[in-house]
Amino acid sequence: MKKIYFLCTGNSCRSQIAEGYAKKYLNSKWEIRSAGVESHGLNPKAVAVMKEAGIDISTQTSDLIDLDYFNQSDMIITLCGDAADKCPMIPKESTHLHWDLEDPAKAVGTEEEIMTAFRNTRDEIERRMIELAKQLNG
């Protein structure tokens, strides 16, 4: 089974959303995980916006990078500059993609403006995941 790893700073929002969409769009040939260079806990707003999209990520956990899984991954996708800068050296056998996405957890404003930031990030991740699935599921 091939392995894909989604990495961001705290494994609380972006990588969690990406893991949820990967489980929806990638076929069963892929083992899917996410992690962070730190562990900040699963963000309830990420859970809420994914629920709006019909995907339950509430049982996912915020994890630190597992070096064994990392080194065995066929594809590693970093979702922020912090993860790209701080993650271990990408194994030369792995395909590395970098999706530089805004961190919705840093959004400021009204509750609705913050939720809009989460939805925008969610929708951008879904768009990218659909494109990636077209390439990987063949």
Protein backbone atom coordinates (compact mmCIF):
# COMPACT_ATOMS: atom_id res chain seq x y z
CA MET A 1 0.00 0.00 0.00
CA LYS A 2 1.27 3.47 -0.89
CA LYS A 3 1.62 6.09 1.84
CA ILE A 4 0.77 9.78 1.77
CA TYR A 5 1.62 12.21 4.57
CA PHE A 6 0.16 15.70 5.03
CA LEU A 7 2.29 18.00 7.18
CA CYS A 8 1.73 21.44 8.66
CA THR A 9 2.86 23.32 11.73
CA GLY A 10 0.54 22.07 14.47
CA ASN A 11 -1.53 19.33 12.78
CA SER A 12 -4.67 21.13 13.91
CA CYS A 13 -6.32 22.58 10.75
CA ARG A 14 -4.84 22.37 7.26
CA SER A 15 -3.29 18.91 7.43
CA GLN A 16 -6.35 17.57 9.24
CA ILE A 17 -8.64 18.92 6.50
CA ALA A 18 -6.33 17.46 3.83
CA GLU A 19 -6.38 14.07 5.57
CA GLY A 20 -10.17 14.15 5.61
CA TYR A 21 -10.42 14.97 1.92
CA ALA A 22 -7.74 12.42 0.99
CA LYS A 23 -9.79 9.72 2.71
CA LYS A 24 -12.76 10.83 0.58
CA TYR A 25 -11.02 11.18 -2.78
CA LEU A 26 -8.07 8.75 -2.85
CA ASN A 27 -8.67 5.10 -3.59
CA SER A 28 -7.91 2.24 -1.21
CA LYS A 29 -4.34 1.89 -2.53
CA TRP A 30 -3.34 4.76 -0.22
CA GLU A 31 -2.65 4.83 3.51
CA ILE A 32 -3.34 8.39 4.62
CA ARG A 33 -1.97 10.25 7.64
CA SER A 34 -1.29 13.79 8.79
CA ALA A 35 1.08 15.26 11.35
CA GLY A 36 2.81 18.43 12.45
CA VAL A 37 6.20 19.67 13.47
CA GLU A 38 4.30 20.48 16.69
CA SER A 39 1.03 19.11 18.07
CA HIS A 40 -1.61 21.78 18.77
CA GLY A 41 -4.71 19.59 19.06
CA LEU A 42 -7.54 19.23 16.57
CA ASN A 43 -9.10 22.66 15.94
CA PRO A 44 -12.89 22.59 16.56
CA LYS A 45 -13.44 25.08 13.73
CA ALA A 46 -11.74 22.69 11.29
CA VAL A 47 -14.06 19.95 12.52
CA ALA A 48 -17.06 22.26 12.07
CA VAL A 49 -16.28 23.32 8.50
CA MET A 50 -15.56 19.75 7.47
CA LYS A 51 -18.88 18.69 9.00
CA GLU A 52 -20.53 21.32 6.77
CA ALA A 53 -18.88 19.54 3.82
CA GLY A 54 -20.20 16.16 5.01
CA ILE A 55 -16.87 14.82 6.30
CA ASP A 56 -16.34 13.83 9.93
CA ILE A 57 -12.76 14.44 11.09
CA SER A 58 -13.68 14.58 14.79
CA THR A 59 -11.92 11.29 15.59
CA GLN A 60 -8.63 12.31 13.94
CA THR A 61 -5.79 13.14 16.31
CA SER A 62 -3.14 15.86 16.30
CA ASP A 63 0.16 14.03 15.98
CA LEU A 64 3.84 14.80 15.73
CA ILE A 65 5.72 13.56 12.67
CA ASP A 66 6.33 9.81 12.84
CA LEU A 67 9.79 9.42 11.31
CA ASP A 68 9.23 5.78 10.32
CA TYR A 69 6.03 6.65 8.41
CA PHE A 70 7.67 9.81 7.03
CA ASN A 71 10.65 7.88 5.67
CA GLN A 72 8.36 5.25 4.10
CA SER A 73 5.96 7.77 2.51
CA ASP A 74 5.55 7.72 -1.25
CA MET A 75 4.22 11.28 -1.20
CA ILE A 76 4.70 14.07 1.34
CA ILE A 77 2.61 17.21 1.08
CA THR A 78 3.57 20.21 3.19
CA LEU A 79 0.75 22.70 3.69
CA CYS A 80 2.70 25.69 5.04
CA GLY A 81 6.15 27.20 4.88
CA ASP A 82 6.81 26.30 8.50
CA ALA A 83 6.38 22.58 7.82
CA ALA A 84 8.45 22.78 4.64
CA ASP A 85 11.23 24.54 6.56
CA LYS A 86 11.18 22.46 9.74
CA CYS A 87 10.30 18.96 8.62
CA PRO A 88 13.09 16.42 8.29
CA MET A 89 14.89 16.03 4.97
CA ILE A 90 12.38 14.66 2.46
CA PRO A 91 13.50 11.16 1.43
CA LYS A 92 14.70 11.16 -2.20
CA GLU A 93 12.32 8.29 -2.97
CA SER A 94 9.32 10.40 -1.92
CA THR A 95 7.42 12.82 -4.10
CA HIS A 96 7.15 16.19 -2.35
CA LEU A 97 4.42 18.73 -3.03
CA HIS A 98 4.13 22.07 -1.25
CA TRP A 99 0.72 23.68 -0.88
CA ASP A 100 1.39 27.07 0.71
CA LEU A 101 -1.94 27.75 2.39
CA GLU A 102 -3.07 30.48 4.77
CA ASP A 103 -3.45 29.26 8.35
CA PRO A 104 -7.12 29.83 9.21
CA ALA A 105 -6.29 29.50 12.92
CA LYS A 106 -4.52 32.86 12.62
CA ALA A 107 -7.55 34.60 11.12
CA VAL A 108 -8.86 37.61 13.03
CA GLY A 109 -12.18 39.43 12.96
CA THR A 110 -15.71 38.46 13.76
CA GLU A 111 -16.65 34.84 14.29
CA GLU A 112 -18.19 34.79 10.80
CA GLU A 113 -15.00 36.25 9.24
CA ILE A 114 -12.91 33.63 11.00
CA MET A 115 -15.23 30.84 9.85
CA THR A 116 -15.03 32.23 6.30
CA ALA A 117 -11.24 31.90 6.49
CA PHE A 118 -11.63 28.26 7.55
CA ARG A 119 -14.11 27.62 4.71
CA ASN A 120 -11.80 29.26 2.15
CA THR A 121 -8.88 27.08 3.24
CA ARG A 122 -11.12 23.99 3.26
CA ASP A 123 -12.36 24.73 -0.26
CA GLU A 124 -8.83 25.33 -1.59
CA ILE A 125 -7.64 22.03 -0.08
CA GLU A 126 -10.59 20.20 -1.64
CA ARG A 127 -9.84 21.72 -5.05
CA ARG A 128 -6.21 20.62 -4.84
CA MET A 129 -7.17 17.16 -3.53
CA ILE A 130 -9.57 16.55 -6.42
CA GLU A 131 -6.76 17.41 -8.88
CA LEU A 132 -4.29 15.19 -7.03
CA ALA A 133 -6.76 12.29 -6.91
CA LYS A 134 -7.16 12.47 -10.69
CA GLN A 135 -3.41 11.89 -10.99
CA LEU A 136 -2.99 9.28 -8.23
CA ASN A 137 -6.08 7.10 -8.67
CA GLY A 138 -5.24 6.13 -12.25
